[in-house]
């Protein structure tokens, strides 16, 4: 069991206060968006086993089976298959979609064959992996996830009273659901940008005036004036999570995080197709290929089980659970079949193992536990566990 030193990513949309408040330090005044835990090459965690600090990725590469377990290596290969984060949104993230595994492999191979540089701003596929993800709220958390029913989206657009939105509302009412959503999203993203900017300004003014269900969209325009993603966002379900609630985002589901602090667990990938709320590259044809145009309830996940409370998802590359340690409670035994990262988000619990001894944890601190090392959690607090399913 090793205490991890982790990197905070300073993306522009990050909150300036949420992560400092979690870890108990003074804000720097700069955005602090994501605290990364794992072995992603972009910012691997670091640990020290007595011979100086090393990256977790190097430690795993030196002995994959010893660190991850033979079953995990057989199933996922010799690398940690997930990336664990604390995410602090102070402004909306880009509206985006992730490919499935087959799409990611095909897209990556195509761009490699065409010689598109891996760091090119117009590159869509940074790797050949899919990127399902799960976000669990630590504070009230606001986001967008999946398409609304087209008739509901039409009524929302019509309620703004903006004449230039009427054609979109008519399309949503006139076609079968999947075709309607595809046609409207295509029209929004390919419309003349000057005309779109005018429509967005009118829609934002109306949303600010009307409030209620329109309030989330009024806020978007302050961050992304004239962006067609403001209109696209109105096609999606608005989701509000309370602490402890989560939402799962599978391949093809358009989504965005708007505000709040949460823990996020995802497959170890950086593949993002954007569809708005961003100055970055938008590849509309490729986006339409990977988007799932199916309306539905975004679904709110709540943890299940006693002791270890699990957030059930259909993904094997990661599994999120939590332990809520109450005063006077018995120690909780953490399963040891697979490698895991334990993250404290509240209180002052202790992690103890016969091999590594006792480590006190504070909010924002995390440890890496190799496969086969039995750990007990005691004290008072909340600890999230990220691992895999083998």
Protein backbone atom coordinates (compact mmCIF):
# COMPACT_ATOMS: atom_id res chain seq x y z
CA UNK A 1 0.00 0.00 0.00
CA UNK A 2 1.50 3.30 -1.13
CA UNK A 3 0.49 6.87 -0.47
CA UNK A 4 0.10 8.66 -3.82
CA UNK A 5 1.31 12.07 -4.88
CA UNK A 6 -1.09 13.35 -7.53
CA UNK A 7 -1.21 16.13 -10.10
CA UNK A 8 -3.88 18.85 -10.22
CA UNK A 9 -4.77 19.90 -13.78
CA UNK A 10 -5.45 23.67 -14.15
CA UNK A 11 -8.02 23.63 -16.97
CA UNK A 12 -9.78 26.95 -17.53
CA UNK A 13 -13.22 25.61 -16.55
CA UNK A 14 -12.02 24.47 -13.12
CA UNK A 15 -13.22 25.89 -9.83
CA UNK A 16 -10.75 28.11 -8.01
CA UNK A 17 -11.96 26.97 -4.57
CA UNK A 18 -13.51 23.46 -4.56
CA UNK A 19 -10.36 21.30 -4.60
CA UNK A 20 -8.47 23.61 -2.19
CA UNK A 21 -11.42 23.39 0.22
CA UNK A 22 -11.46 19.59 -0.07
CA UNK A 23 -7.76 19.19 0.66
CA UNK A 24 -7.61 22.00 3.22
CA UNK A 25 -5.27 24.50 1.56
CA UNK A 26 -5.60 28.14 0.59
CA UNK A 27 -6.79 28.80 -2.99
CA UNK A 28 -4.15 30.09 -5.38
CA UNK A 29 -6.66 32.14 -7.39
CA UNK A 30 -6.04 29.89 -10.41
CA UNK A 31 -8.54 27.28 -11.64
CA UNK A 32 -7.96 23.78 -10.26
CA UNK A 33 -10.07 21.46 -12.39
CA UNK A 34 -9.02 17.84 -11.89
CA UNK A 35 -6.93 15.82 -9.44
CA UNK A 36 -5.66 12.76 -11.34
CA UNK A 37 -5.04 9.39 -9.70
CA UNK A 38 -3.70 6.53 -11.78
CA UNK A 39 -1.11 5.69 -14.41
CA UNK A 40 -2.27 7.80 -17.36
CA UNK A 41 0.83 9.06 -19.23
CA UNK A 42 -0.50 12.62 -19.15
CA UNK A 43 -0.05 12.89 -15.36
CA UNK A 44 0.71 9.60 -13.62
CA UNK A 45 0.55 9.41 -9.83
CA UNK A 46 3.85 9.03 -8.00
CA UNK A 47 4.90 6.92 -5.04
CA UNK A 48 8.01 6.19 -3.00
CA UNK A 49 8.92 2.70 -1.79
CA UNK A 50 12.15 3.82 -0.18
CA UNK A 51 14.35 4.35 -3.24
CA UNK A 52 13.00 7.71 -4.35
CA UNK A 53 9.82 8.77 -6.07
CA UNK A 54 8.66 6.83 -9.15
CA UNK A 55 5.59 7.10 -11.34
CA UNK A 56 2.84 4.55 -10.77
CA UNK A 57 3.01 3.71 -14.49
CA UNK A 58 6.71 2.73 -14.13
CA UNK A 59 6.01 0.69 -11.00
CA UNK A 60 3.26 -1.26 -12.78
CA UNK A 61 5.34 -1.71 -15.96
CA UNK A 62 8.15 -3.27 -13.91
CA UNK A 63 5.84 -6.01 -12.51
CA UNK A 64 2.33 -5.97 -14.05
CA UNK A 65 1.15 -9.25 -12.54
CA UNK A 66 2.57 -8.46 -9.12
CA UNK A 67 0.90 -5.04 -8.99
CA UNK A 68 -2.35 -5.66 -10.88
CA UNK A 69 -2.92 -9.39 -10.42
CA UNK A 70 -2.67 -12.12 -13.05
CA UNK A 71 -6.41 -12.15 -13.80
CA UNK A 72 -6.48 -8.40 -14.50
CA UNK A 73 -3.44 -8.60 -16.78
CA UNK A 74 -5.03 -11.47 -18.73
CA UNK A 75 -8.25 -9.49 -19.17
CA UNK A 76 -7.03 -5.91 -19.69
CA UNK A 77 -3.32 -6.13 -20.47
CA UNK A 78 -0.31 -4.94 -18.45
CA UNK A 79 -1.55 -1.42 -17.61
CA UNK A 80 -4.00 0.08 -15.14
CA UNK A 81 -7.24 0.20 -17.17
CA UNK A 82 -8.88 3.12 -15.37
CA UNK A 83 -8.23 6.76 -14.49
CA UNK A 84 -9.63 8.11 -11.22
CA UNK A 85 -10.20 11.83 -10.67
CA UNK A 86 -11.60 14.48 -8.38
CA UNK A 87 -13.37 16.88 -10.76
CA UNK A 88 -14.25 20.48 -9.82
CA UNK A 89 -16.34 22.30 -12.41
CA UNK A 90 -16.53 26.05 -11.90
CA UNK A 91 -17.74 26.62 -15.48
CA UNK A 92 -19.40 24.31 -18.02
CA UNK A 93 -17.21 21.71 -19.72
CA UNK A 94 -17.55 21.14 -23.47
CA UNK A 95 -20.59 19.29 -24.75
CA UNK A 96 -19.12 15.96 -25.87
CA UNK A 97 -19.55 12.33 -26.90
CA UNK A 98 -17.19 9.36 -26.52
CA UNK A 99 -16.79 6.53 -29.07
CA UNK A 100 -17.32 2.85 -28.38
CA UNK A 101 -14.35 0.47 -28.53
CA UNK A 102 -14.77 -0.49 -32.20
CA UNK A 103 -15.19 3.16 -33.25
CA UNK A 104 -12.15 4.22 -31.24
CA UNK A 105 -9.95 1.51 -32.76
CA UNK A 106 -11.10 2.30 -36.31
CA UNK A 107 -10.77 6.07 -35.83
CA UNK A 108 -7.32 5.82 -34.24
CA UNK A 109 -6.01 3.50 -36.96
CA UNK A 110 -7.40 5.77 -39.69
CA UNK A 111 -5.76 8.91 -38.28
CA UNK A 112 -2.49 7.05 -37.74
CA UNK A 113 -2.58 5.82 -41.35
CA UNK A 114 -3.23 9.36 -42.61
CA UNK A 115 -0.35 10.70 -40.54
CA UNK A 116 -2.39 13.10 -38.38
CA UNK A 117 -0.05 14.20 -35.56
CA UNK A 118 -1.20 12.92 -32.17
CA UNK A 119 -1.15 16.47 -30.77
CA UNK A 120 -2.84 18.11 -33.78
CA UNK A 121 -5.81 20.29 -32.72
CA UNK A 122 -8.03 18.59 -35.33
CA UNK A 123 -7.12 15.07 -34.18
CA UNK A 124 -10.21 13.16 -32.92
CA UNK A 125 -8.71 9.92 -31.59
CA UNK A 126 -5.75 10.13 -29.21
CA UNK A 127 -5.79 6.37 -28.51
CA UNK A 128 -7.60 3.19 -29.53
CA UNK A 129 -9.71 2.85 -26.38
CA UNK A 130 -13.26 3.72 -25.42
CA UNK A 131 -14.02 6.15 -22.62
CA UNK A 132 -17.08 5.23 -20.60
CA UNK A 133 -17.20 7.22 -17.38
CA UNK A 134 -18.99 7.57 -14.06
CA UNK A 135 -19.28 10.75 -12.01
CA UNK A 136 -20.39 10.74 -8.36
CA UNK A 137 -21.33 14.00 -6.65
CA UNK A 138 -19.49 15.20 -3.54
CA UNK A 139 -21.48 18.47 -3.55
CA UNK A 140 -24.69 19.32 -5.42
CA UNK A 141 -23.63 18.62 -9.01
CA UNK A 142 -25.22 19.81 -12.24
CA UNK A 143 -24.86 18.34 -15.71
CA UNK A 144 -26.46 17.39 -19.01
CA UNK A 145 -26.84 13.77 -20.14
CA UNK A 146 -28.58 12.16 -23.11
CA UNK A 147 -31.34 13.46 -25.34
CA UNK A 148 -34.70 14.63 -24.10
CA UNK A 149 -37.77 13.21 -25.87
CA UNK A 150 -38.08 15.32 -29.07
CA UNK A 151 -41.53 16.65 -28.19
CA UNK A 152 -40.22 17.83 -24.82
CA UNK A 153 -37.24 19.49 -26.50
CA UNK A 154 -39.60 21.15 -29.02
CA UNK A 155 -41.75 22.56 -26.22
CA UNK A 156 -38.65 23.90 -24.44
CA UNK A 157 -37.43 25.68 -27.57
CA UNK A 158 -40.89 27.07 -28.39
CA UNK A 159 -41.28 28.38 -24.84
CA UNK A 160 -38.43 30.83 -25.43
CA UNK A 161 -40.47 32.69 -28.04
CA UNK A 162 -37.52 33.07 -30.42
CA UNK A 163 -38.66 32.96 -34.05
CA UNK A 164 -35.40 31.53 -35.40
CA UNK A 165 -35.80 28.47 -33.16
CA UNK A 166 -39.20 27.57 -34.64
CA UNK A 167 -37.78 25.55 -37.57
CA UNK A 168 -35.91 23.34 -35.10
CA UNK A 169 -39.05 22.83 -33.02
CA UNK A 170 -41.01 21.95 -36.17
CA UNK A 171 -38.41 19.37 -37.17
CA UNK A 172 -38.57 17.81 -33.73
CA UNK A 173 -42.33 17.41 -34.07
CA UNK A 174 -42.38 16.25 -37.69
CA UNK A 175 -40.08 13.20 -37.73
CA UNK A 176 -39.53 9.89 -35.93
CA UNK A 177 -37.50 10.48 -32.76
CA UNK A 178 -34.05 9.32 -33.88
CA UNK A 179 -34.28 11.09 -37.24
CA UNK A 180 -35.61 14.24 -35.59
CA UNK A 181 -32.78 14.50 -33.11
CA UNK A 182 -30.12 13.77 -35.74
CA UNK A 183 -31.54 16.34 -38.15
CA UNK A 184 -31.85 19.09 -35.56
CA UNK A 185 -28.38 18.58 -34.08
CA UNK A 186 -26.90 18.58 -37.59
CA UNK A 187 -28.79 21.76 -38.48
CA UNK A 188 -27.68 23.53 -35.29
CA UNK A 189 -24.01 22.67 -35.75
CA UNK A 190 -23.83 23.46 -39.47
CA UNK A 191 -25.88 26.69 -39.52
CA UNK A 192 -24.29 30.01 -40.42
CA UNK A 193 -22.29 31.09 -37.36
CA UNK A 194 -23.35 34.74 -37.53
CA UNK A 195 -27.02 33.78 -37.65
CA UNK A 196 -26.50 31.22 -34.91
CA UNK A 197 -24.80 33.80 -32.68
CA UNK A 198 -27.83 36.07 -33.03
CA UNK A 199 -30.20 33.19 -32.21
CA UNK A 200 -28.10 32.21 -29.17
CA UNK A 201 -28.15 35.80 -27.87
CA UNK A 202 -31.95 35.99 -28.22
CA UNK A 203 -32.42 32.57 -26.63
CA UNK A 204 -30.13 33.43 -23.73
CA UNK A 205 -31.94 36.70 -23.04
CA UNK A 206 -35.27 34.87 -23.02
CA UNK A 207 -33.89 32.10 -20.79
CA UNK A 208 -32.57 34.66 -18.30
CA UNK A 209 -35.95 36.40 -18.25
CA UNK A 210 -37.98 33.19 -17.86
CA UNK A 211 -35.75 31.38 -15.33
CA UNK A 212 -37.02 28.05 -13.97
CA UNK A 213 -36.19 25.23 -16.41
CA UNK A 214 -34.33 27.73 -18.60
CA UNK A 215 -31.89 28.91 -15.90
CA UNK A 216 -29.13 26.39 -16.73
CA UNK A 217 -29.03 27.53 -20.36
CA UNK A 218 -28.95 31.22 -19.51
CA UNK A 219 -25.71 30.58 -17.65
CA UNK A 220 -24.09 28.83 -20.63
CA UNK A 221 -24.09 31.89 -22.84
CA UNK A 222 -22.04 33.90 -20.34
CA UNK A 223 -19.21 31.40 -20.80
CA UNK A 224 -19.75 30.65 -24.51
CA UNK A 225 -21.39 33.62 -26.24
CA UNK A 226 -22.69 32.78 -29.71
CA UNK A 227 -21.79 29.09 -29.36
CA UNK A 228 -24.24 26.71 -31.13
CA UNK A 229 -23.71 24.33 -28.21
CA UNK A 230 -26.05 26.53 -26.18
CA UNK A 231 -28.90 25.46 -28.47
CA UNK A 232 -27.67 21.87 -28.67
CA UNK A 233 -27.64 21.72 -24.87
CA UNK A 234 -31.40 22.36 -24.81
CA UNK A 235 -31.90 19.03 -26.58
CA UNK A 236 -30.41 17.22 -23.58
CA UNK A 237 -31.67 16.19 -20.16
CA UNK A 238 -30.71 18.50 -17.33
CA UNK A 239 -29.46 16.43 -14.37
CA UNK A 240 -29.00 17.53 -10.76
CA UNK A 241 -27.14 15.11 -8.49
CA UNK A 242 -27.12 15.28 -4.72
CA UNK A 243 -24.02 14.18 -2.78
CA UNK A 244 -23.61 10.42 -3.11
CA UNK A 245 -25.63 10.18 -6.32
CA UNK A 246 -23.96 9.33 -9.61
CA UNK A 247 -24.54 9.10 -13.35
CA UNK A 248 -22.98 6.74 -15.87
CA UNK A 249 -22.08 7.93 -19.37
CA UNK A 250 -21.65 5.21 -21.96
CA UNK A 251 -20.53 5.43 -25.57
CA UNK A 252 -22.48 7.76 -27.82
CA UNK A 253 -24.23 9.67 -25.02
CA UNK A 254 -23.91 13.46 -25.42
CA UNK A 255 -23.15 15.10 -22.09
CA UNK A 256 -21.55 17.99 -20.26
CA UNK A 257 -20.74 18.81 -16.65
CA UNK A 258 -21.90 22.29 -15.62
CA UNK A 259 -21.05 22.85 -11.97
CA UNK A 260 -20.02 21.02 -8.83
CA UNK A 261 -17.42 18.78 -7.18
CA UNK A 262 -17.37 15.04 -7.75
CA UNK A 263 -15.26 11.93 -8.13
CA UNK A 264 -14.97 10.62 -11.68
CA UNK A 265 -13.89 7.16 -12.79
CA UNK A 266 -13.31 6.28 -16.43
CA UNK A 267 -11.56 3.93 -18.80
CA UNK A 268 -7.99 5.03 -19.44
CA UNK A 269 -8.62 7.06 -22.62
CA UNK A 270 -8.63 10.62 -23.90
CA UNK A 271 -11.01 10.24 -26.87
CA UNK A 272 -13.51 13.11 -27.06
CA UNK A 273 -15.78 14.22 -29.93
CA UNK A 274 -17.03 17.72 -29.15
CA UNK A 275 -20.34 19.22 -30.23
CA UNK A 276 -20.31 22.64 -28.60
CA UNK A 277 -19.49 24.88 -25.63
CA UNK A 278 -15.87 24.97 -26.70
CA UNK A 279 -13.42 26.91 -28.87
CA UNK A 280 -11.81 23.58 -29.83
CA UNK A 281 -12.19 21.58 -33.03
CA UNK A 282 -15.64 20.14 -33.85
CA UNK A 283 -15.75 17.41 -36.51
CA UNK A 284 -19.47 17.29 -37.25
CA UNK A 285 -19.48 14.23 -39.60
CA UNK A 286 -17.41 12.15 -37.14
CA UNK A 287 -19.53 13.36 -34.23
CA UNK A 288 -22.71 12.25 -35.98
CA UNK A 289 -21.18 8.81 -36.60
CA UNK A 290 -20.60 8.13 -32.90
CA UNK A 291 -23.62 9.86 -31.34
CA UNK A 292 -26.47 7.70 -30.11
CA UNK A 293 -29.68 9.50 -31.10
CA UNK A 294 -31.95 7.81 -28.60
CA UNK A 295 -33.96 9.85 -26.08
CA UNK A 296 -34.29 8.53 -22.57
CA UNK A 297 -34.03 9.02 -18.85
CA UNK A 298 -30.40 9.70 -17.93
CA UNK A 299 -30.79 7.61 -14.79
CA UNK A 300 -29.40 8.46 -11.37
CA UNK A 301 -27.29 5.79 -9.66
CA UNK A 302 -27.28 5.31 -5.91
CA UNK A 303 -24.86 2.99 -4.12
CA UNK A 304 -26.05 -0.50 -3.23
CA UNK A 305 -24.92 -2.82 -0.47
CA UNK A 306 -23.90 -2.79 3.17
CA UNK A 307 -20.35 -2.01 4.17
CA UNK A 308 -18.97 -1.61 0.67
CA UNK A 309 -21.56 0.41 -1.28
CA UNK A 310 -21.23 -0.23 -5.03
CA UNK A 311 -22.21 1.94 -8.01
CA UNK A 312 -23.24 -0.70 -10.55
CA UNK A 313 -22.30 -0.10 -14.21
CA UNK A 314 -21.98 -2.39 -17.27
CA UNK A 315 -18.22 -1.75 -17.52
CA UNK A 316 -15.43 -4.11 -16.38
CA UNK A 317 -12.49 -1.68 -16.77
CA UNK A 318 -13.61 0.13 -13.64
CA UNK A 319 -15.78 -0.33 -10.58
CA UNK A 320 -16.58 2.43 -8.09
CA UNK A 321 -17.66 1.85 -4.51
CA UNK A 322 -17.47 3.67 -1.21
CA UNK A 323 -17.10 2.97 2.47
CA UNK A 324 -18.87 5.30 4.91
CA UNK A 325 -17.16 4.84 8.28
CA UNK A 326 -19.30 5.82 11.25
CA UNK A 327 -18.22 6.49 14.86
CA UNK A 328 -17.91 3.26 16.79
CA UNK A 329 -18.24 1.10 13.69
CA UNK A 330 -16.22 -2.03 13.06
CA UNK A 331 -13.27 -1.84 10.63
CA UNK A 332 -14.13 -2.48 7.00
CA UNK A 333 -12.14 -5.11 5.12
CA UNK A 334 -11.35 -4.06 1.54
CA UNK A 335 -11.41 -6.95 -1.00
CA UNK A 336 -7.88 -7.72 -2.20
CA UNK A 337 -8.25 -9.71 -5.45
CA UNK A 338 -7.45 -6.74 -7.68
CA UNK A 339 -5.32 -3.59 -7.58
CA UNK A 340 -7.16 -0.52 -6.36
CA UNK A 341 -6.94 3.14 -5.49
CA UNK A 342 -8.55 4.31 -2.25
CA UNK A 343 -9.50 8.00 -2.00
CA UNK A 344 -10.57 9.77 1.18
CA UNK A 345 -13.18 12.50 0.64
CA UNK A 346 -14.26 13.21 4.23
CA UNK A 347 -13.15 12.66 7.81
CA UNK A 348 -9.89 11.14 9.02
CA UNK A 349 -9.95 7.39 8.37
CA UNK A 350 -7.00 5.03 8.62
CA UNK A 351 -5.91 2.35 6.15
CA UNK A 352 -4.02 -0.53 7.66
CA UNK A 353 -2.35 -3.64 6.24
CA UNK A 354 -0.02 -6.26 7.72
CA UNK A 355 2.44 -5.65 4.88
CA UNK A 356 2.54 -1.84 4.80
CA UNK A 357 1.44 -0.78 8.26
CA UNK A 358 -0.94 2.08 9.01
CA UNK A 359 -1.59 5.18 6.90
CA UNK A 360 -3.78 8.03 8.13
CA UNK A 361 -5.81 9.67 5.38
CA UNK A 362 -7.17 13.20 5.04
CA UNK A 363 -9.66 14.47 2.43
CA UNK A 364 -8.11 14.44 -1.03
CA UNK A 365 -5.43 11.89 -0.09
CA UNK A 366 -5.23 8.52 -1.82
CA UNK A 367 -3.32 5.23 -1.73
CA UNK A 368 -2.53 2.57 -4.31
CA UNK A 369 -3.07 -1.00 -3.08
CA UNK A 370 -1.49 -3.78 -5.16
CA UNK A 371 -3.48 -6.93 -5.86
CA UNK A 372 -3.35 -9.41 -3.00
CA UNK A 373 -2.69 -6.90 -0.21
CA UNK A 374 -5.42 -7.01 2.41
CA UNK A 375 -6.40 -3.60 3.81
CA UNK A 376 -8.72 -2.61 6.65
CA UNK A 377 -10.34 0.81 6.95
CA UNK A 378 -11.18 2.23 10.35
CA UNK A 379 -12.01 5.54 11.99
CA UNK A 380 -14.53 8.09 10.76
CA UNK A 381 -14.95 9.30 7.19
CA UNK A 382 -15.74 8.39 3.59
CA UNK A 383 -13.41 6.43 1.32
CA UNK A 384 -14.06 5.76 -2.37
CA UNK A 385 -12.59 2.63 -3.95
CA UNK A 386 -11.65 2.38 -7.64
CA UNK A 387 -10.84 -1.04 -9.04
CA UNK A 388 -11.72 -3.43 -11.89
CA UNK A 389 -14.04 -6.38 -12.46
CA UNK A 390 -12.25 -9.65 -13.31
